Amino acid sequence: MIAFVVPIAMLLFALAALMNLYRLLIGPDMTDRILALDTLMINTIALIVLADIRMGIGFLFEAALLIALMGFVSTVAMSKYLLRGDVIE
């Protein structure tokens, strides 16, 4: 059953990532682009985890965790720069 569901989930997350990429490129303002980049990171993490489940390797979860950390830090830094004009006060 999982061999049937995982490719479908990967396809849907890839489609969602393409829609986020469109919003990232065409977004009307900077806040939309920041949110699209954050959502694109989440979709990328989901694709990595699903690929790891499909291949049965077990070490891609660590890569997904590192990407999640970088995504969180970059979203906070970009949001802080957008609000205050600098990242470090």
C-alpha atoms as a PDB file:
ATOM      1  CA  MET A   1       0.000   0.000   0.000  1.00  0.00           C
ATOM      2  CA  ILE A   2       2.786   2.440   0.855  1.00  0.00           C
ATOM      3  CA  ALA A   3       4.481   1.651  -2.458  1.00  0.00           C
ATOM      4  CA  PHE A   4       1.339   2.968  -4.136  1.00  0.00           C
ATOM      5  CA  VAL A   5       0.824   6.075  -1.990  1.00  0.00           C
ATOM      6  CA  VAL A   6       4.373   7.467  -1.794  1.00  0.00           C
ATOM      7  CA  PRO A   7       4.788   8.193  -5.553  1.00  0.00           C
ATOM      8  CA  ILE A   8       1.403   9.914  -5.614  1.00  0.00           C
ATOM      9  CA  ALA A   9       2.377  12.034  -2.607  1.00  0.00           C
ATOM     10  CA  MET A  10       5.706  12.874  -4.246  1.00  0.00           C
ATOM     11  CA  LEU A  11       3.907  13.989  -7.392  1.00  0.00           C
ATOM     12  CA  LEU A  12       1.524  16.203  -5.425  1.00  0.00           C
ATOM     13  CA  PHE A  13       4.328  17.770  -3.377  1.00  0.00           C
ATOM     14  CA  ALA A  14       6.306  18.412  -6.583  1.00  0.00           C
ATOM     15  CA  LEU A  15       3.242  20.118  -8.063  1.00  0.00           C
ATOM     16  CA  ALA A  16       2.892  22.223  -4.916  1.00  0.00           C
ATOM     17  CA  ALA A  17       6.594  23.141  -5.144  1.00  0.00           C
ATOM     18  CA  LEU A  18       6.106  24.313  -8.739  1.00  0.00           C
ATOM     19  CA  MET A  19       3.177  26.481  -7.670  1.00  0.00           C
ATOM     20  CA  ASN A  20       5.314  27.925  -4.860  1.00  0.00           C
ATOM     21  CA  LEU A  21       8.084  28.628  -7.339  1.00  0.00           C
ATOM     22  CA  TYR A  22       5.595  30.540  -9.476  1.00  0.00           C
ATOM     23  CA  ARG A  23       4.529  32.603  -6.440  1.00  0.00           C
ATOM     24  CA  LEU A  24       8.188  33.191  -5.589  1.00  0.00           C
ATOM     25  CA  LEU A  25       8.921  34.585  -9.040  1.00  0.00           C
ATOM     26  CA  ILE A  26       5.674  36.476  -9.725  1.00  0.00           C
ATOM     27  CA  GLY A  27       4.638  37.453  -6.180  1.00  0.00           C
ATOM     28  CA  PRO A  28       3.229  40.970  -5.966  1.00  0.00           C
ATOM     29  CA  ASP A  29       5.269  42.030  -2.950  1.00  0.00           C
ATOM     30  CA  MET A  30       8.177  40.914  -0.803  1.00  0.00           C
ATOM     31  CA  THR A  31       6.105  39.292   1.944  1.00  0.00           C
ATOM     32  CA  ASP A  32       4.491  36.950  -0.575  1.00  0.00           C
ATOM     33  CA  ARG A  33       7.924  35.971  -1.820  1.00  0.00           C
ATOM     34  CA  ILE A  34       9.197  35.250   1.696  1.00  0.00           C
ATOM     35  CA  LEU A  35       6.170  33.095   2.473  1.00  0.00           C
ATOM     36  CA  ALA A  36       6.519  31.295  -0.869  1.00  0.00           C
ATOM     37  CA  LEU A  37      10.171  30.551  -0.136  1.00  0.00           C
ATOM     38  CA  ASP A  38       9.296  29.191   3.298  1.00  0.00           C
ATOM     39  CA  THR A  39       6.561  26.995   1.859  1.00  0.00           C
ATOM     40  CA  LEU A  40       8.925  25.848  -0.890  1.00  0.00           C
ATOM     41  CA  MET A  41      11.371  24.735   1.799  1.00  0.00           C
ATOM     42  CA  ILE A  42       8.624  22.755   3.529  1.00  0.00           C
ATOM     43  CA  ASN A  43       7.682  21.071   0.263  1.00  0.00           C
ATOM     44  CA  THR A  44      11.327  20.258  -0.422  1.00  0.00           C
ATOM     45  CA  ILE A  45      11.673  18.698   3.023  1.00  0.00           C
ATOM     46  CA  ALA A  46       8.554  16.612   2.386  1.00  0.00           C
ATOM     47  CA  LEU A  47       9.956  15.434  -0.948  1.00  0.00           C
ATOM     48  CA  ILE A  48      13.248  14.436   0.666  1.00  0.00           C
ATOM     49  CA  VAL A  49      11.485  12.499   3.424  1.00  0.00           C
ATOM     50  CA  LEU A  50       9.211  10.762   0.911  1.00  0.00           C
ATOM     51  CA  ALA A  51      12.209   9.870  -1.265  1.00  0.00           C
ATOM     52  CA  ASP A  52      13.902   8.399   1.778  1.00  0.00           C
ATOM     53  CA  ILE A  53      10.813   6.347   2.591  1.00  0.00           C
ATOM     54  CA  ARG A  54      10.632   5.122  -1.004  1.00  0.00           C
ATOM     55  CA  MET A  55      14.306   4.184  -1.229  1.00  0.00           C
ATOM     56  CA  GLY A  56      14.569   2.884   2.329  1.00  0.00           C
ATOM     57  CA  ILE A  57      17.975   4.430   2.930  1.00  0.00           C
ATOM     58  CA  GLY A  58      17.442   6.084   6.299  1.00  0.00           C
ATOM     59  CA  PHE A  59      20.057   8.852   6.221  1.00  0.00           C
ATOM     60  CA  LEU A  60      18.149  11.428   4.177  1.00  0.00           C
ATOM     61  CA  PHE A  61      16.165  12.327   7.287  1.00  0.00           C
ATOM     62  CA  GLU A  62      19.262  14.079   8.609  1.00  0.00           C
ATOM     63  CA  ALA A  63      19.546  16.099   5.407  1.00  0.00           C
ATOM     64  CA  ALA A  64      15.878  17.063   5.745  1.00  0.00           C
ATOM     65  CA  LEU A  65      16.529  18.212   9.306  1.00  0.00           C
ATOM     66  CA  LEU A  66      19.445  20.404   8.210  1.00  0.00           C
ATOM     67  CA  ILE A  67      17.394  21.923   5.404  1.00  0.00           C
ATOM     68  CA  ALA A  68      14.582  22.613   7.877  1.00  0.00           C
ATOM     69  CA  LEU A  69      17.011  24.456  10.166  1.00  0.00           C
ATOM     70  CA  MET A  70      18.394  26.529   7.298  1.00  0.00           C
ATOM     71  CA  GLY A  71      14.878  27.286   6.073  1.00  0.00           C
ATOM     72  CA  PHE A  72      13.749  28.495   9.481  1.00  0.00           C
ATOM     73  CA  VAL A  73      16.800  30.683  10.020  1.00  0.00           C
ATOM     74  CA  SER A  74      16.594  32.197   6.546  1.00  0.00           C
ATOM     75  CA  THR A  75      12.878  32.954   6.919  1.00  0.00           C
ATOM     76  CA  VAL A  76      13.455  34.675  10.250  1.00  0.00           C
ATOM     77  CA  ALA A  77      16.402  36.648   8.855  1.00  0.00           C
ATOM     78  CA  MET A  78      14.519  37.798   5.762  1.00  0.00           C
ATOM     79  CA  SER A  79      11.455  38.771   7.798  1.00  0.00           C
ATOM     80  CA  LYS A  80      13.575  40.700  10.274  1.00  0.00           C
ATOM     81  CA  TYR A  81      15.350  42.491   7.438  1.00  0.00           C
ATOM     82  CA  LEU A  82      12.024  43.369   5.838  1.00  0.00           C
ATOM     83  CA  LEU A  83      10.632  44.781   9.104  1.00  0.00           C
ATOM     84  CA  ARG A  84      13.671  46.628  10.477  1.00  0.00           C
ATOM     85  CA  GLY A  85      16.103  47.075   7.606  1.00  0.00           C
ATOM     86  CA  ASP A  86      18.879  45.079   9.261  1.00  0.00           C
ATOM     87  CA  VAL A  87      19.280  41.586  10.640  1.00  0.00           C
ATOM     88  CA  ILE A  88      21.664  42.145  13.535  1.00  0.00           C
ATOM     89  CA  GLU A  89      20.929  45.065  15.824  1.00  0.00           C
END
